[in-house]
C-alpha cells in the first residue's frame, strides 16, 4: 500500500456533498475521528482547530427531512484507518 496517494485530511470536513467543506477525494479512503480520546462513528462534520463535531440528534429530522445535528465540543483528531 502506498500512503502517498492519500490526500491530507482537512481542518474542517463534512460528509454532506452539498457542503462547501465536502472533499470527495478524502472519502475514497477509510477515515476515523477521535473525539476526547474515543473513536466516534457517527460524525457528520468536524473542525479540528475549533474543537467540535456535529452528530445526529437521535432520529429527529429538521423541516427539510435532514437529520437534526448537535454540536459537541472537545478535542478532535482525524486519521486514516
C-alpha atoms as a PDB file:
ATOM      1  CA  UNK A   1       0.000   0.000   0.000  1.00  0.00           C
ATOM      2  CA  UNK A   2       1.177   3.468  -0.805  1.00  0.00           C
ATOM      3  CA  UNK A   3       0.303   6.254   1.610  1.00  0.00           C
ATOM      4  CA  UNK A   4       1.428   8.926  -0.866  1.00  0.00           C
ATOM      5  CA  UNK A   5      -1.887   8.724  -2.760  1.00  0.00           C
ATOM      6  CA  UNK A   6      -3.923   9.807   0.273  1.00  0.00           C
ATOM      7  CA  UNK A   7      -4.803  13.499   0.387  1.00  0.00           C
ATOM      8  CA  UNK A   8      -4.059  15.382   3.586  1.00  0.00           C
ATOM      9  CA  UNK A   9      -7.032  15.488   5.951  1.00  0.00           C
ATOM     10  CA  UNK A  10      -8.533  18.995   6.063  1.00  0.00           C
ATOM     11  CA  UNK A  11      -9.104  21.001   9.241  1.00  0.00           C
ATOM     12  CA  UNK A  12     -12.852  21.196   8.531  1.00  0.00           C
ATOM     13  CA  UNK A  13     -14.640  18.334   6.778  1.00  0.00           C
ATOM     14  CA  UNK A  14     -18.285  17.399   6.140  1.00  0.00           C
ATOM     15  CA  UNK A  15     -19.797  14.199   4.727  1.00  0.00           C
ATOM     16  CA  UNK A  16     -22.666  16.140   3.114  1.00  0.00           C
ATOM     17  CA  UNK A  17     -21.935  16.621  -0.634  1.00  0.00           C
ATOM     18  CA  UNK A  18     -23.901  19.900  -0.591  1.00  0.00           C
ATOM     19  CA  UNK A  19     -21.491  21.442   1.948  1.00  0.00           C
ATOM     20  CA  UNK A  20     -18.591  23.673   0.928  1.00  0.00           C
ATOM     21  CA  UNK A  21     -16.442  21.607   3.345  1.00  0.00           C
ATOM     22  CA  UNK A  22     -17.018  18.331   1.445  1.00  0.00           C
ATOM     23  CA  UNK A  23     -13.875  16.825  -0.154  1.00  0.00           C
ATOM     24  CA  UNK A  24     -14.667  13.767  -2.279  1.00  0.00           C
ATOM     25  CA  UNK A  25     -11.031  12.603  -2.543  1.00  0.00           C
ATOM     26  CA  UNK A  26     -10.824  12.107   1.231  1.00  0.00           C
ATOM     27  CA  UNK A  27     -13.808   9.744   1.251  1.00  0.00           C
ATOM     28  CA  UNK A  28     -12.139   7.364  -1.211  1.00  0.00           C
ATOM     29  CA  UNK A  29     -10.203   6.147   1.853  1.00  0.00           C
ATOM     30  CA  UNK A  30     -11.466   4.958   5.233  1.00  0.00           C
ATOM     31  CA  UNK A  31     -11.098   7.716   7.859  1.00  0.00           C
ATOM     32  CA  UNK A  32     -11.693   7.789  11.596  1.00  0.00           C
ATOM     33  CA  UNK A  33     -12.442  10.515  14.130  1.00  0.00           C
ATOM     34  CA  UNK A  34     -11.223  10.530  17.719  1.00  0.00           C
ATOM     35  CA  UNK A  35     -13.303  12.781  19.974  1.00  0.00           C
ATOM     36  CA  UNK A  36     -11.942  13.242  23.504  1.00  0.00           C
ATOM     37  CA  UNK A  37      -9.851  10.095  23.080  1.00  0.00           C
ATOM     38  CA  UNK A  38     -12.674   7.806  21.881  1.00  0.00           C
ATOM     39  CA  UNK A  39     -13.414   6.829  18.291  1.00  0.00           C
ATOM     40  CA  UNK A  40     -16.787   8.079  17.022  1.00  0.00           C
ATOM     41  CA  UNK A  41     -18.513   6.504  14.023  1.00  0.00           C
ATOM     42  CA  UNK A  42     -21.492   8.897  13.802  1.00  0.00           C
ATOM     43  CA  UNK A  43     -19.668  12.166  12.987  1.00  0.00           C
ATOM     44  CA  UNK A  44     -21.257  14.164  10.150  1.00  0.00           C
ATOM     45  CA  UNK A  45     -18.902  17.166  10.284  1.00  0.00           C
ATOM     46  CA  UNK A  46     -15.839  18.199  12.264  1.00  0.00           C
ATOM     47  CA  UNK A  47     -13.441  21.105  12.794  1.00  0.00           C
ATOM     48  CA  UNK A  48     -10.104  20.325  14.417  1.00  0.00           C
ATOM     49  CA  UNK A  49      -8.938  23.917  15.023  1.00  0.00           C
ATOM     50  CA  UNK A  50     -12.210  24.976  16.693  1.00  0.00           C
ATOM     51  CA  UNK A  51     -12.560  21.637  18.537  1.00  0.00           C
ATOM     52  CA  UNK A  52     -16.089  20.463  17.654  1.00  0.00           C
ATOM     53  CA  UNK A  53     -18.002  17.727  15.869  1.00  0.00           C
ATOM     54  CA  UNK A  54     -21.589  17.550  14.629  1.00  0.00           C
ATOM     55  CA  UNK A  55     -23.551  14.357  15.222  1.00  0.00           C
ATOM     56  CA  UNK A  56     -27.212  13.431  14.589  1.00  0.00           C
ATOM     57  CA  UNK A  57     -29.615  14.055  17.486  1.00  0.00           C
ATOM     58  CA  UNK A  58     -31.238  10.624  17.511  1.00  0.00           C
ATOM     59  CA  UNK A  59     -33.832  10.119  14.785  1.00  0.00           C
ATOM     60  CA  UNK A  60     -35.049  13.723  14.831  1.00  0.00           C
ATOM     61  CA  UNK A  61     -35.365  15.375  11.406  1.00  0.00           C
ATOM     62  CA  UNK A  62     -35.423  19.053  10.505  1.00  0.00           C
ATOM     63  CA  UNK A  63     -38.115  20.585   8.289  1.00  0.00           C
ATOM     64  CA  UNK A  64     -36.185  19.624   5.139  1.00  0.00           C
ATOM     65  CA  UNK A  65     -36.022  15.959   6.150  1.00  0.00           C
ATOM     66  CA  UNK A  66     -32.333  16.038   7.105  1.00  0.00           C
ATOM     67  CA  UNK A  67     -31.130  14.690  10.485  1.00  0.00           C
ATOM     68  CA  UNK A  68     -31.084  17.344  13.209  1.00  0.00           C
ATOM     69  CA  UNK A  69     -27.466  17.923  14.289  1.00  0.00           C
ATOM     70  CA  UNK A  70     -25.976  18.790  17.634  1.00  0.00           C
ATOM     71  CA  UNK A  71     -22.515  20.273  18.116  1.00  0.00           C
ATOM     72  CA  UNK A  72     -20.224  18.710  20.706  1.00  0.00           C
ATOM     73  CA  UNK A  73     -17.055  20.489  21.815  1.00  0.00           C
ATOM     74  CA  UNK A  74     -13.830  18.768  22.796  1.00  0.00           C
ATOM     75  CA  UNK A  75     -10.521  17.507  21.404  1.00  0.00           C
ATOM     76  CA  UNK A  76     -10.878  16.299  17.797  1.00  0.00           C
ATOM     77  CA  UNK A  77      -8.379  14.171  15.861  1.00  0.00           C
ATOM     78  CA  UNK A  78      -8.846  12.813  12.332  1.00  0.00           C
ATOM     79  CA  UNK A  79      -6.850   9.897  10.912  1.00  0.00           C
ATOM     80  CA  UNK A  80      -6.766   7.364   8.094  1.00  0.00           C
ATOM     81  CA  UNK A  81      -7.527   3.792   9.118  1.00  0.00           C
END
